[in-house]
């Protein structure tokens, strides 16, 4: 009798398993995680002019504020991209026979992100007629700062910038925004002028 009951239970379990397997073929699977759509503004630029020894073109959808941090030096500014959640920190240094050290510090700050970076690309800018010499560092991967740059006249002035976002770094979701702002930074570098 026990054999027939156990055989009966095995047959019922097999039938239920078969029915469950067939009915699960059309089960709805969840969609993969996606990212929010970001509406980027139209490109348009204006001139940044102040008492600082430099000027440049910057996007109309960015706000420039002088850095009021306790450690900030004169002519340090923050360019805020409020709708996108990004901030470009811009610092100025007067060159005093220390350009080699300043450039090495800039390189170290960019390559400090190599731990999280997949790659670091350098784009050189040279405009000898305007005494503009610089490098744009594009840092691929989940680094905290995805774009950094410096511009100098190689004698008196040096400006450095670093782009940060108010979110945890994610190269996939931030990629379109980074490309968008990187284009603005290139316009900024190409329009840079010393006073």
N, C-alpha and C. Protein backbone atom coordinates (compact mmCIF):
# COMPACT_ATOMS: atom_id res chain seq x y z
N UNK A 1 0.81 -1.19 0.00
CA UNK A 1 0.00 0.00 0.00
C UNK A 1 0.86 1.26 0.00
N UNK A 2 1.95 1.23 0.80
CA UNK A 2 2.82 2.41 0.83
C UNK A 2 3.44 2.68 -0.53
N UNK A 3 3.74 1.59 -1.24
CA UNK A 3 4.35 1.77 -2.55
C UNK A 3 3.38 2.44 -3.50
N UNK A 4 2.14 2.08 -3.46
CA UNK A 4 1.18 2.67 -4.38
C UNK A 4 0.91 4.13 -4.04
N UNK A 5 0.91 4.50 -2.75
CA UNK A 5 0.70 5.89 -2.36
C UNK A 5 1.92 6.73 -2.76
N UNK A 6 3.11 6.23 -2.53
CA UNK A 6 4.31 6.98 -2.90
C UNK A 6 4.42 7.10 -4.42
N UNK A 7 4.06 6.05 -5.14
CA UNK A 7 4.07 6.12 -6.59
C UNK A 7 3.02 7.13 -7.07
N UNK A 8 1.88 7.11 -6.42
CA UNK A 8 0.80 8.04 -6.75
C UNK A 8 1.26 9.49 -6.53
N UNK A 9 1.95 9.77 -5.41
CA UNK A 9 2.45 11.12 -5.11
C UNK A 9 3.52 11.55 -6.12
N UNK A 10 4.37 10.62 -6.52
CA UNK A 10 5.41 10.94 -7.50
C UNK A 10 4.78 11.30 -8.84
N UNK A 11 3.77 10.57 -9.25
CA UNK A 11 3.08 10.84 -10.51
C UNK A 11 2.41 12.22 -10.45
N UNK A 12 1.74 12.54 -9.32
CA UNK A 12 1.06 13.84 -9.17
C UNK A 12 2.10 14.98 -9.18
N UNK A 13 3.22 14.80 -8.48
CA UNK A 13 4.26 15.83 -8.44
C UNK A 13 4.85 16.05 -9.83
N UNK A 14 5.05 14.96 -10.58
CA UNK A 14 5.59 15.08 -11.93
C UNK A 14 4.63 15.82 -12.85
N UNK A 15 3.35 15.53 -12.75
CA UNK A 15 2.34 16.19 -13.57
C UNK A 15 2.29 17.69 -13.22
N UNK A 16 2.30 18.01 -11.93
CA UNK A 16 2.28 19.42 -11.51
C UNK A 16 3.54 20.16 -11.99
N UNK A 17 4.66 19.53 -11.91
CA UNK A 17 5.91 20.14 -12.38
C UNK A 17 5.86 20.38 -13.89
N UNK A 18 5.30 19.42 -14.63
CA UNK A 18 5.18 19.54 -16.07
C UNK A 18 4.24 20.71 -16.43
N UNK A 19 3.11 20.78 -15.75
CA UNK A 19 2.14 21.86 -16.02
C UNK A 19 2.74 23.22 -15.67
N UNK A 20 3.45 23.29 -14.55
CA UNK A 20 4.09 24.55 -14.14
C UNK A 20 5.13 24.98 -15.15
N UNK A 21 5.92 24.06 -15.65
CA UNK A 21 6.96 24.37 -16.62
C UNK A 21 6.35 24.89 -17.91
N UNK A 22 5.27 24.27 -18.37
CA UNK A 22 4.62 24.72 -19.61
C UNK A 22 4.00 26.11 -19.43
N UNK A 23 3.36 26.34 -18.31
CA UNK A 23 2.69 27.63 -18.10
C UNK A 23 3.69 28.76 -17.86
N UNK A 24 4.92 28.46 -17.47
CA UNK A 24 5.93 29.51 -17.21
C UNK A 24 6.62 29.97 -18.48
N UNK A 25 6.34 29.33 -19.61
CA UNK A 25 6.99 29.74 -20.85
C UNK A 25 6.65 31.18 -21.22
N UNK A 26 5.46 31.61 -20.97
CA UNK A 26 5.01 32.94 -21.35
C UNK A 26 5.02 33.92 -20.18
N UNK A 27 5.83 33.64 -19.21
CA UNK A 27 5.89 34.53 -18.04
C UNK A 27 6.51 35.86 -18.43
N UNK A 28 6.03 36.90 -17.83
CA UNK A 28 6.56 38.24 -18.10
C UNK A 28 7.83 38.42 -17.28
N UNK A 29 8.89 38.83 -17.98
CA UNK A 29 10.14 39.11 -17.28
C UNK A 29 10.27 40.62 -17.11
N UNK A 30 10.87 41.06 -16.03
CA UNK A 30 11.00 42.51 -15.81
C UNK A 30 11.95 43.14 -16.83
N UNK A 31 11.67 44.40 -17.14
CA UNK A 31 12.54 45.13 -18.06
C UNK A 31 13.86 45.42 -17.38
N UNK A 32 14.93 45.49 -18.16
CA UNK A 32 16.21 45.84 -17.54
C UNK A 32 16.15 47.28 -17.01
N UNK A 33 16.97 47.55 -16.04
CA UNK A 33 17.00 48.87 -15.43
C UNK A 33 17.42 49.90 -16.48
N UNK A 34 16.71 51.01 -16.53
CA UNK A 34 16.99 52.05 -17.51
C UNK A 34 17.42 53.34 -16.83
N UNK A 35 17.63 54.35 -17.63
CA UNK A 35 18.06 55.65 -17.13
C UNK A 35 17.05 56.71 -17.56
N UNK A 36 16.96 57.77 -16.79
CA UNK A 36 16.06 58.85 -17.10
C UNK A 36 16.49 59.55 -18.38
N UNK A 37 15.52 60.03 -19.09
CA UNK A 37 15.81 60.82 -20.28
C UNK A 37 16.23 62.21 -19.83
N UNK A 38 17.29 62.71 -20.42
CA UNK A 38 17.80 64.03 -20.05
C UNK A 38 17.61 64.95 -21.25
N UNK A 39 16.84 66.01 -21.06
CA UNK A 39 16.66 67.00 -22.11
C UNK A 39 17.78 68.03 -21.99
N UNK A 40 18.65 68.06 -22.98
CA UNK A 40 19.78 68.97 -22.96
C UNK A 40 19.41 70.28 -23.66
N UNK A 41 19.84 71.41 -23.12
CA UNK A 41 19.48 72.70 -23.72
C UNK A 41 20.21 72.95 -25.04
N UNK A 42 19.71 73.94 -25.77
CA UNK A 42 20.36 74.33 -27.03
C UNK A 42 21.66 75.06 -26.73
N UNK A 43 22.64 74.85 -27.60
CA UNK A 43 23.96 75.48 -27.42
C UNK A 43 23.88 76.96 -27.77
N UNK A 44 24.33 77.79 -26.85
CA UNK A 44 24.44 79.23 -27.06
C UNK A 44 25.43 79.75 -26.02
N UNK A 45 26.27 80.71 -26.39
CA UNK A 45 27.36 81.12 -25.51
C UNK A 45 27.36 82.62 -25.26
N UNK A 46 27.96 82.99 -24.14
CA UNK A 46 28.16 84.39 -23.76
C UNK A 46 29.57 84.53 -23.22
N UNK A 47 30.05 85.76 -23.12
CA UNK A 47 31.42 86.04 -22.68
C UNK A 47 31.47 86.23 -21.17
N UNK A 48 32.43 85.55 -20.51
CA UNK A 48 32.69 85.79 -19.09
C UNK A 48 33.78 86.85 -18.99
N UNK A 49 33.41 87.99 -18.40
CA UNK A 49 34.36 89.08 -18.21
C UNK A 49 34.27 89.50 -16.75
N UNK A 50 35.42 89.65 -16.11
CA UNK A 50 35.47 90.06 -14.70
C UNK A 50 36.77 90.80 -14.46
N UNK A 51 37.09 91.02 -13.20
CA UNK A 51 38.37 91.64 -12.85
C UNK A 51 39.52 90.63 -12.90
N UNK A 52 39.21 89.37 -13.11
CA UNK A 52 40.23 88.33 -13.21
C UNK A 52 41.03 88.52 -14.50
N UNK A 53 42.25 87.98 -14.56
CA UNK A 53 43.10 88.21 -15.73
C UNK A 53 42.79 87.30 -16.92
N UNK A 54 41.57 86.81 -17.01
CA UNK A 54 41.20 85.95 -18.12
C UNK A 54 39.73 86.18 -18.47
N UNK A 55 39.37 85.80 -19.69
CA UNK A 55 37.98 85.80 -20.14
C UNK A 55 37.79 84.61 -21.07
N UNK A 56 36.54 84.21 -21.26
CA UNK A 56 36.23 83.07 -22.12
C UNK A 56 34.74 83.06 -22.41
N UNK A 57 34.35 82.27 -23.39
CA UNK A 57 32.94 82.06 -23.69
C UNK A 57 32.44 80.88 -22.88
N UNK A 58 31.21 81.00 -22.38
CA UNK A 58 30.62 79.90 -21.62
C UNK A 58 29.14 79.81 -21.97
N UNK A 59 28.50 78.66 -21.73
CA UNK A 59 27.11 78.47 -22.15
C UNK A 59 26.13 79.32 -21.33
N UNK A 60 25.06 79.75 -21.99
CA UNK A 60 24.05 80.59 -21.33
C UNK A 60 23.27 79.81 -20.27
N UNK A 61 23.27 78.51 -20.34
CA UNK A 61 22.54 77.69 -19.36
C UNK A 61 23.40 77.35 -18.15
N UNK A 62 24.58 77.94 -18.05
CA UNK A 62 25.45 77.76 -16.88
C UNK A 62 25.48 79.05 -16.07
N UNK A 63 25.64 78.91 -14.76
CA UNK A 63 25.77 80.07 -13.87
C UNK A 63 27.18 80.09 -13.30
N UNK A 64 27.80 81.26 -13.33
CA UNK A 64 29.15 81.39 -12.78
C UNK A 64 29.07 82.15 -11.46
N UNK A 65 29.66 81.56 -10.43
CA UNK A 65 29.74 82.17 -9.11
C UNK A 65 31.19 82.12 -8.65
N UNK A 66 31.64 83.17 -8.01
CA UNK A 66 32.98 83.15 -7.44
C UNK A 66 32.99 82.19 -6.26
N UNK A 67 34.05 81.41 -6.16
CA UNK A 67 34.17 80.41 -5.09
C UNK A 67 34.35 81.12 -3.76
N UNK A 68 33.43 80.87 -2.81
CA UNK A 68 33.50 81.52 -1.50
C UNK A 68 33.97 80.57 -0.40
N UNK A 69 34.57 79.45 -0.80
CA UNK A 69 35.12 78.52 0.18
C UNK A 69 36.27 79.18 0.94
N UNK A 70 36.46 78.76 2.18
CA UNK A 70 37.52 79.36 3.01
C UNK A 70 38.91 79.21 2.39
N UNK A 71 39.13 78.13 1.64
CA UNK A 71 40.45 77.89 1.03
C UNK A 71 40.57 78.45 -0.38
N UNK A 72 39.50 79.07 -0.88
CA UNK A 72 39.52 79.59 -2.25
C UNK A 72 40.45 80.78 -2.38
N UNK A 73 41.11 80.86 -3.52
CA UNK A 73 42.00 81.97 -3.83
C UNK A 73 41.28 82.93 -4.78
N UNK A 74 41.81 84.13 -4.97
CA UNK A 74 41.18 85.08 -5.90
C UNK A 74 41.05 84.48 -7.30
N UNK A 75 39.95 84.79 -7.94
CA UNK A 75 39.65 84.37 -9.31
C UNK A 75 39.37 82.87 -9.44
N UNK A 76 39.01 82.21 -8.33
CA UNK A 76 38.50 80.85 -8.40
C UNK A 76 37.01 80.96 -8.60
N UNK A 77 36.47 80.24 -9.57
CA UNK A 77 35.04 80.31 -9.86
C UNK A 77 34.46 78.91 -9.99
N UNK A 78 33.15 78.84 -9.86
CA UNK A 78 32.41 77.60 -10.10
C UNK A 78 31.39 77.87 -11.18
N UNK A 79 31.40 77.04 -12.20
CA UNK A 79 30.41 77.13 -13.26
C UNK A 79 29.40 76.01 -13.02
N UNK A 80 28.18 76.41 -12.62
CA UNK A 80 27.15 75.44 -12.28
C UNK A 80 26.22 75.19 -13.47
N UNK A 81 26.01 73.91 -13.74
CA UNK A 81 25.03 73.46 -14.73
C UNK A 81 23.85 72.92 -13.93
N UNK A 82 23.01 73.82 -13.45
CA UNK A 82 21.95 73.46 -12.50
C UNK A 82 21.00 72.39 -13.02
N UNK A 83 20.53 72.52 -14.25
CA UNK A 83 19.55 71.57 -14.79
C UNK A 83 20.15 70.19 -15.01
N UNK A 84 21.47 70.13 -15.14
CA UNK A 84 22.16 68.86 -15.41
C UNK A 84 22.79 68.29 -14.14
N UNK A 85 22.98 69.12 -13.13
CA UNK A 85 23.56 68.65 -11.87
C UNK A 85 25.07 68.59 -11.87
N UNK A 86 25.71 69.36 -12.73
CA UNK A 86 27.17 69.35 -12.81
C UNK A 86 27.77 70.67 -12.34
N UNK A 87 29.04 70.61 -11.98
CA UNK A 87 29.77 71.82 -11.59
C UNK A 87 31.18 71.71 -12.12
N UNK A 88 31.62 72.80 -12.79
CA UNK A 88 32.98 72.91 -13.27
C UNK A 88 33.73 73.83 -12.32
N UNK A 89 34.67 73.27 -11.56
CA UNK A 89 35.49 74.05 -10.63
C UNK A 89 36.67 74.62 -11.42
N UNK A 90 36.82 75.94 -11.38
CA UNK A 90 37.89 76.59 -12.12
C UNK A 90 38.77 77.35 -11.14
N UNK A 91 40.07 77.04 -11.18
CA UNK A 91 41.01 77.72 -10.27
C UNK A 91 42.09 78.44 -11.09
N UNK A 92 42.57 79.54 -10.54
CA UNK A 92 43.57 80.36 -11.19
C UNK A 92 44.81 80.45 -10.31
N UNK A 93 45.96 80.39 -10.95
CA UNK A 93 47.24 80.58 -10.24
C UNK A 93 48.09 81.54 -11.04
N UNK A 94 48.76 82.40 -10.32
CA UNK A 94 49.76 83.27 -10.93
C UNK A 94 51.05 82.45 -11.04
N UNK A 95 51.64 82.43 -12.21
CA UNK A 95 52.89 81.68 -12.43
C UNK A 95 54.05 82.55 -11.97
N UNK A 96 54.92 81.97 -11.14
CA UNK A 96 56.08 82.70 -10.63
C UNK A 96 57.30 81.78 -10.69
N UNK A 97 57.79 81.54 -11.91
CA UNK A 97 58.92 80.63 -12.14
C UNK A 97 58.67 79.23 -11.59
N UNK A 98 57.40 78.82 -11.52
CA UNK A 98 57.06 77.50 -10.99
C UNK A 98 56.12 76.74 -11.92
N UNK A 99 56.13 77.07 -13.21
CA UNK A 99 55.21 76.44 -14.15
C UNK A 99 55.41 74.92 -14.21
N UNK A 100 56.64 74.46 -14.18
CA UNK A 100 56.90 73.02 -14.22
C UNK A 100 56.20 72.29 -13.08
N UNK A 101 56.29 72.81 -11.87
CA UNK A 101 55.64 72.20 -10.71
C UNK A 101 54.12 72.26 -10.82
N UNK A 102 53.60 73.39 -11.30
CA UNK A 102 52.15 73.54 -11.46
C UNK A 102 51.61 72.54 -12.49
N UNK A 103 52.30 72.38 -13.61
CA UNK A 103 51.86 71.44 -14.63
C UNK A 103 51.94 69.99 -14.14
N UNK A 104 52.97 69.68 -13.37
CA UNK A 104 53.09 68.33 -12.81
C UNK A 104 51.96 68.06 -11.82
N UNK A 105 51.62 69.06 -11.01
CA UNK A 105 50.49 68.91 -10.07
C UNK A 105 49.19 68.68 -10.83
N UNK A 106 49.00 69.39 -11.92
CA UNK A 106 47.80 69.23 -12.74
C UNK A 106 47.72 67.83 -13.33
N UNK A 107 48.84 67.34 -13.84
CA UNK A 107 48.87 65.98 -14.40
C UNK A 107 48.55 64.95 -13.33
N UNK A 108 49.14 65.12 -12.13
CA UNK A 108 48.88 64.19 -11.03
C UNK A 108 47.41 64.19 -10.63
N UNK A 109 46.80 65.37 -10.59
CA UNK A 109 45.38 65.46 -10.22
C UNK A 109 44.50 64.74 -11.23
N UNK A 110 44.84 64.84 -12.51
CA UNK A 110 44.06 64.14 -13.55
C UNK A 110 44.27 62.63 -13.45
N UNK A 111 45.53 62.21 -13.31
CA UNK A 111 45.83 60.77 -13.29
C UNK A 111 45.55 60.12 -11.95
N UNK A 112 45.20 60.90 -10.94
CA UNK A 112 44.78 60.35 -9.66
C UNK A 112 43.50 59.51 -9.85
N UNK A 113 42.74 59.82 -10.90
CA UNK A 113 41.50 59.12 -11.18
C UNK A 113 41.73 57.83 -11.96
N UNK A 114 42.98 57.49 -12.26
CA UNK A 114 43.25 56.29 -13.07
C UNK A 114 42.86 55.00 -12.35
N UNK A 115 42.70 55.05 -11.03
CA UNK A 115 42.27 53.87 -10.29
C UNK A 115 40.88 53.42 -10.75
N UNK A 116 39.98 54.37 -10.95
CA UNK A 116 38.61 54.06 -11.38
C UNK A 116 38.42 54.21 -12.89
N UNK A 117 39.40 54.79 -13.57
CA UNK A 117 39.26 55.09 -15.00
C UNK A 117 39.54 53.86 -15.86
N UNK A 118 38.81 53.79 -16.97
CA UNK A 118 39.10 52.77 -17.98
C UNK A 118 40.23 53.25 -18.89
N UNK A 119 40.27 54.56 -19.13
CA UNK A 119 41.30 55.18 -19.97
C UNK A 119 41.30 56.68 -19.72
N UNK A 120 42.42 57.31 -20.01
CA UNK A 120 42.53 58.77 -19.94
C UNK A 120 43.08 59.25 -21.27
N UNK A 121 42.29 60.11 -21.94
CA UNK A 121 42.68 60.65 -23.23
C UNK A 121 43.08 62.11 -23.05
N UNK A 122 44.14 62.50 -23.73
CA UNK A 122 44.61 63.89 -23.65
C UNK A 122 44.43 64.56 -25.00
N UNK A 123 43.89 65.77 -24.96
CA UNK A 123 43.74 66.57 -26.17
C UNK A 123 44.51 67.87 -25.95
N UNK A 124 45.47 68.15 -26.81
CA UNK A 124 46.34 69.32 -26.67
C UNK A 124 45.74 70.51 -27.41
N UNK A 125 45.83 71.68 -26.78
CA UNK A 125 45.37 72.94 -27.39
C UNK A 125 46.56 73.90 -27.45
N UNK A 126 46.84 74.40 -28.64
CA UNK A 126 47.94 75.36 -28.82
C UNK A 126 47.43 76.47 -29.73
N UNK A 127 47.42 77.68 -29.17
CA UNK A 127 47.08 78.89 -29.94
C UNK A 127 48.14 79.94 -29.64
N UNK A 128 49.32 79.85 -30.27
CA UNK A 128 50.42 80.75 -29.95
C UNK A 128 50.09 82.23 -30.18
N UNK A 129 49.20 82.53 -31.12
CA UNK A 129 48.83 83.92 -31.38
C UNK A 129 48.09 84.55 -30.20
N UNK A 130 47.44 83.72 -29.37
CA UNK A 130 46.75 84.20 -28.17
C UNK A 130 47.45 83.76 -26.88
N UNK A 131 48.61 83.15 -27.02
CA UNK A 131 49.38 82.62 -25.88
C UNK A 131 48.53 81.66 -25.04
N UNK A 132 47.88 80.73 -25.73
CA UNK A 132 47.06 79.71 -25.08
C UNK A 132 47.70 78.35 -25.34
N UNK A 133 48.05 77.67 -24.25
CA UNK A 133 48.62 76.33 -24.31
C UNK A 133 47.91 75.50 -23.24
N UNK A 134 47.37 74.36 -23.61
CA UNK A 134 46.64 73.59 -22.62
C UNK A 134 46.44 72.15 -23.01
N UNK A 135 45.89 71.41 -22.06
CA UNK A 135 45.55 70.00 -22.27
C UNK A 135 44.18 69.75 -21.65
N UNK A 136 43.34 69.01 -22.39
CA UNK A 136 42.05 68.54 -21.90
C UNK A 136 42.21 67.06 -21.61
N UNK A 137 41.89 66.66 -20.39
CA UNK A 137 41.93 65.25 -19.98
C UNK A 137 40.51 64.71 -19.97
N UNK A 138 40.23 63.71 -20.81
CA UNK A 138 38.94 63.04 -20.79
C UNK A 138 39.15 61.70 -20.09
N UNK A 139 38.48 61.53 -18.95
CA UNK A 139 38.69 60.37 -18.11
C UNK A 139 37.50 59.43 -18.27
N UNK A 140 37.70 58.31 -18.97
CA UNK A 140 36.64 57.33 -19.21
C UNK A 140 36.49 56.42 -18.01
N UNK A 141 35.27 56.03 -17.70
CA UNK A 141 35.01 55.11 -16.60
C UNK A 141 34.22 55.79 -15.51
N UNK A 142 34.19 55.16 -14.34
CA UNK A 142 33.41 55.66 -13.21
C UNK A 142 34.25 56.52 -12.28
N UNK A 143 35.04 57.39 -12.83
CA UNK A 143 35.86 58.29 -12.02
C UNK A 143 35.00 59.45 -11.52
N UNK A 144 35.43 60.04 -10.40
CA UNK A 144 34.67 61.15 -9.81
C UNK A 144 34.64 62.35 -10.74
N UNK A 145 35.75 62.65 -11.39
CA UNK A 145 35.82 63.77 -12.34
C UNK A 145 36.09 63.20 -13.72
N UNK A 146 35.19 63.46 -14.66
CA UNK A 146 35.31 62.85 -15.98
C UNK A 146 36.03 63.73 -17.00
N UNK A 147 36.10 65.04 -16.73
CA UNK A 147 36.80 65.95 -17.63
C UNK A 147 37.59 66.95 -16.77
N UNK A 148 38.87 67.12 -17.12
CA UNK A 148 39.72 68.11 -16.48
C UNK A 148 40.55 68.79 -17.56
N UNK A 149 41.01 69.99 -17.28
CA UNK A 149 41.82 70.70 -18.25
C UNK A 149 42.68 71.73 -17.55
N UNK A 150 43.68 72.22 -18.29
CA UNK A 150 44.40 73.41 -17.85
C UNK A 150 44.74 74.24 -19.06
N UNK A 151 44.88 75.54 -18.83
CA UNK A 151 45.26 76.50 -19.86
C UNK A 151 46.29 77.42 -19.23
N UNK A 152 47.35 77.74 -19.97
CA UNK A 152 48.38 78.64 -19.47
C UNK A 152 48.94 79.48 -20.62
N UNK A 153 49.56 80.60 -20.25
CA UNK A 153 50.30 81.37 -21.26
C UNK A 153 51.78 81.02 -21.18
N UNK A 154 52.14 80.12 -20.28
CA UNK A 154 53.48 79.59 -20.03
C UNK A 154 54.43 80.59 -19.37
N UNK A 155 53.93 81.78 -18.99
CA UNK A 155 54.80 82.77 -18.37
C UNK A 155 54.17 83.34 -17.09
N UNK A 156 52.92 83.80 -17.18
CA UNK A 156 52.30 84.51 -16.05
C UNK A 156 51.05 83.87 -15.48
N UNK A 157 50.26 83.18 -16.31
CA UNK A 157 48.93 82.74 -15.89
C UNK A 157 48.73 81.24 -16.09
N UNK A 158 47.89 80.69 -15.21
CA UNK A 158 47.54 79.27 -15.28
C UNK A 158 46.11 79.11 -14.76
N UNK A 159 45.26 78.41 -15.50
CA UNK A 159 43.88 78.12 -15.09
C UNK A 159 43.66 76.63 -15.24
N UNK A 160 43.03 76.05 -14.22
CA UNK A 160 42.72 74.62 -14.23
C UNK A 160 41.24 74.44 -13.97
N UNK A 161 40.64 73.45 -14.63
CA UNK A 161 39.22 73.15 -14.41
C UNK A 161 39.00 71.66 -14.22
N UNK A 162 37.99 71.32 -13.41
CA UNK A 162 37.61 69.93 -13.18
C UNK A 162 36.10 69.84 -13.08
N UNK A 163 35.50 68.92 -13.83
CA UNK A 163 34.06 68.74 -13.88
C UNK A 163 33.63 67.63 -12.92
N UNK A 164 32.64 67.94 -12.10
CA UNK A 164 32.07 66.97 -11.16
C UNK A 164 30.55 67.00 -11.26
N UNK A 165 29.92 65.89 -10.88
CA UNK A 165 28.46 65.81 -10.86
C UNK A 165 27.99 65.50 -9.44
N UNK A 166 26.75 65.87 -9.16
CA UNK A 166 26.16 65.66 -7.83
C UNK A 166 25.54 64.27 -7.70
N UNK A 167 26.07 63.29 -8.37
CA UNK A 167 25.55 61.93 -8.33
C UNK A 167 26.72 60.95 -8.25
N UNK A 168 26.40 59.72 -7.91
CA UNK A 168 27.42 58.68 -7.91
C UNK A 168 27.86 58.44 -9.36
N UNK A 169 29.17 58.38 -9.61
CA UNK A 169 29.64 58.22 -11.00
C UNK A 169 29.11 56.93 -11.63
N UNK A 170 28.54 57.07 -12.81
CA UNK A 170 28.08 55.93 -13.61
C UNK A 170 28.31 56.30 -15.06
N UNK A 171 29.31 55.69 -15.67
CA UNK A 171 29.72 56.09 -17.02
C UNK A 171 28.61 55.93 -18.05
N UNK A 172 27.71 54.97 -17.86
CA UNK A 172 26.65 54.75 -18.84
C UNK A 172 25.59 55.84 -18.79
N UNK A 173 25.13 56.17 -17.60
CA UNK A 173 24.05 57.16 -17.50
C UNK A 173 24.56 58.58 -17.70
N UNK A 174 25.81 58.86 -17.36
CA UNK A 174 26.36 60.20 -17.48
C UNK A 174 26.99 60.49 -18.85
N UNK A 175 27.20 59.47 -19.65
CA UNK A 175 27.93 59.64 -20.92
C UNK A 175 27.38 60.76 -21.80
N UNK A 176 26.05 60.85 -22.04
CA UNK A 176 25.58 61.93 -22.92
C UNK A 176 25.80 63.32 -22.32
N UNK A 177 25.67 63.44 -21.01
CA UNK A 177 25.85 64.72 -20.34
C UNK A 177 27.33 65.12 -20.36
N UNK A 178 28.21 64.16 -20.13
CA UNK A 178 29.65 64.43 -20.16
C UNK A 178 30.06 64.92 -21.54
N UNK A 179 29.59 64.24 -22.59
CA UNK A 179 29.91 64.67 -23.96
C UNK A 179 29.40 66.08 -24.21
N UNK A 180 28.19 66.36 -23.73
CA UNK A 180 27.56 67.67 -23.93
C UNK A 180 28.39 68.77 -23.27
N UNK A 181 28.78 68.58 -22.01
CA UNK A 181 29.55 69.60 -21.30
C UNK A 181 30.99 69.66 -21.80
N UNK A 182 31.54 68.52 -22.21
CA UNK A 182 32.90 68.52 -22.77
C UNK A 182 32.98 69.44 -23.98
N UNK A 183 31.96 69.43 -24.81
CA UNK A 183 31.93 70.33 -25.97
C UNK A 183 31.93 71.79 -25.51
N UNK A 184 31.23 72.10 -24.42
CA UNK A 184 31.23 73.46 -23.87
C UNK A 184 32.61 73.84 -23.35
N UNK A 185 33.28 72.89 -22.73
CA UNK A 185 34.63 73.15 -22.20
C UNK A 185 35.60 73.42 -23.35
N UNK A 186 35.45 72.70 -24.44
CA UNK A 186 36.31 72.92 -25.61
C UNK A 186 36.08 74.33 -26.16
N UNK A 187 34.82 74.76 -26.24
CA UNK A 187 34.52 76.13 -26.68
C UNK A 187 35.17 77.12 -25.73
N UNK A 188 35.10 76.84 -24.45
CA UNK A 188 35.69 77.71 -23.44
C UNK A 188 37.20 77.83 -23.66
N UNK A 189 37.88 76.70 -23.83
CA UNK A 189 39.34 76.70 -24.03
C UNK A 189 39.70 77.44 -25.32
N UNK A 190 38.95 77.19 -26.37
CA UNK A 190 39.27 77.81 -27.66
C UNK A 190 39.00 79.30 -27.68
N UNK A 191 38.16 79.79 -26.75
CA UNK A 191 37.86 81.22 -26.70
C UNK A 191 38.62 81.94 -25.60
N UNK A 192 39.48 81.24 -24.87
CA UNK A 192 40.21 81.79 -23.75
C UNK A 192 41.10 82.96 -24.19
N UNK A 193 41.11 84.01 -23.39
CA UNK A 193 41.97 85.15 -23.64
C UNK A 193 42.53 85.66 -22.31
N UNK A 194 43.78 86.12 -22.36
CA UNK A 194 44.42 86.71 -21.17
C UNK A 194 44.30 88.23 -21.25
N UNK A 195 44.23 88.87 -20.11
CA UNK A 195 44.18 90.35 -20.07
C UNK A 195 45.58 90.89 -19.93
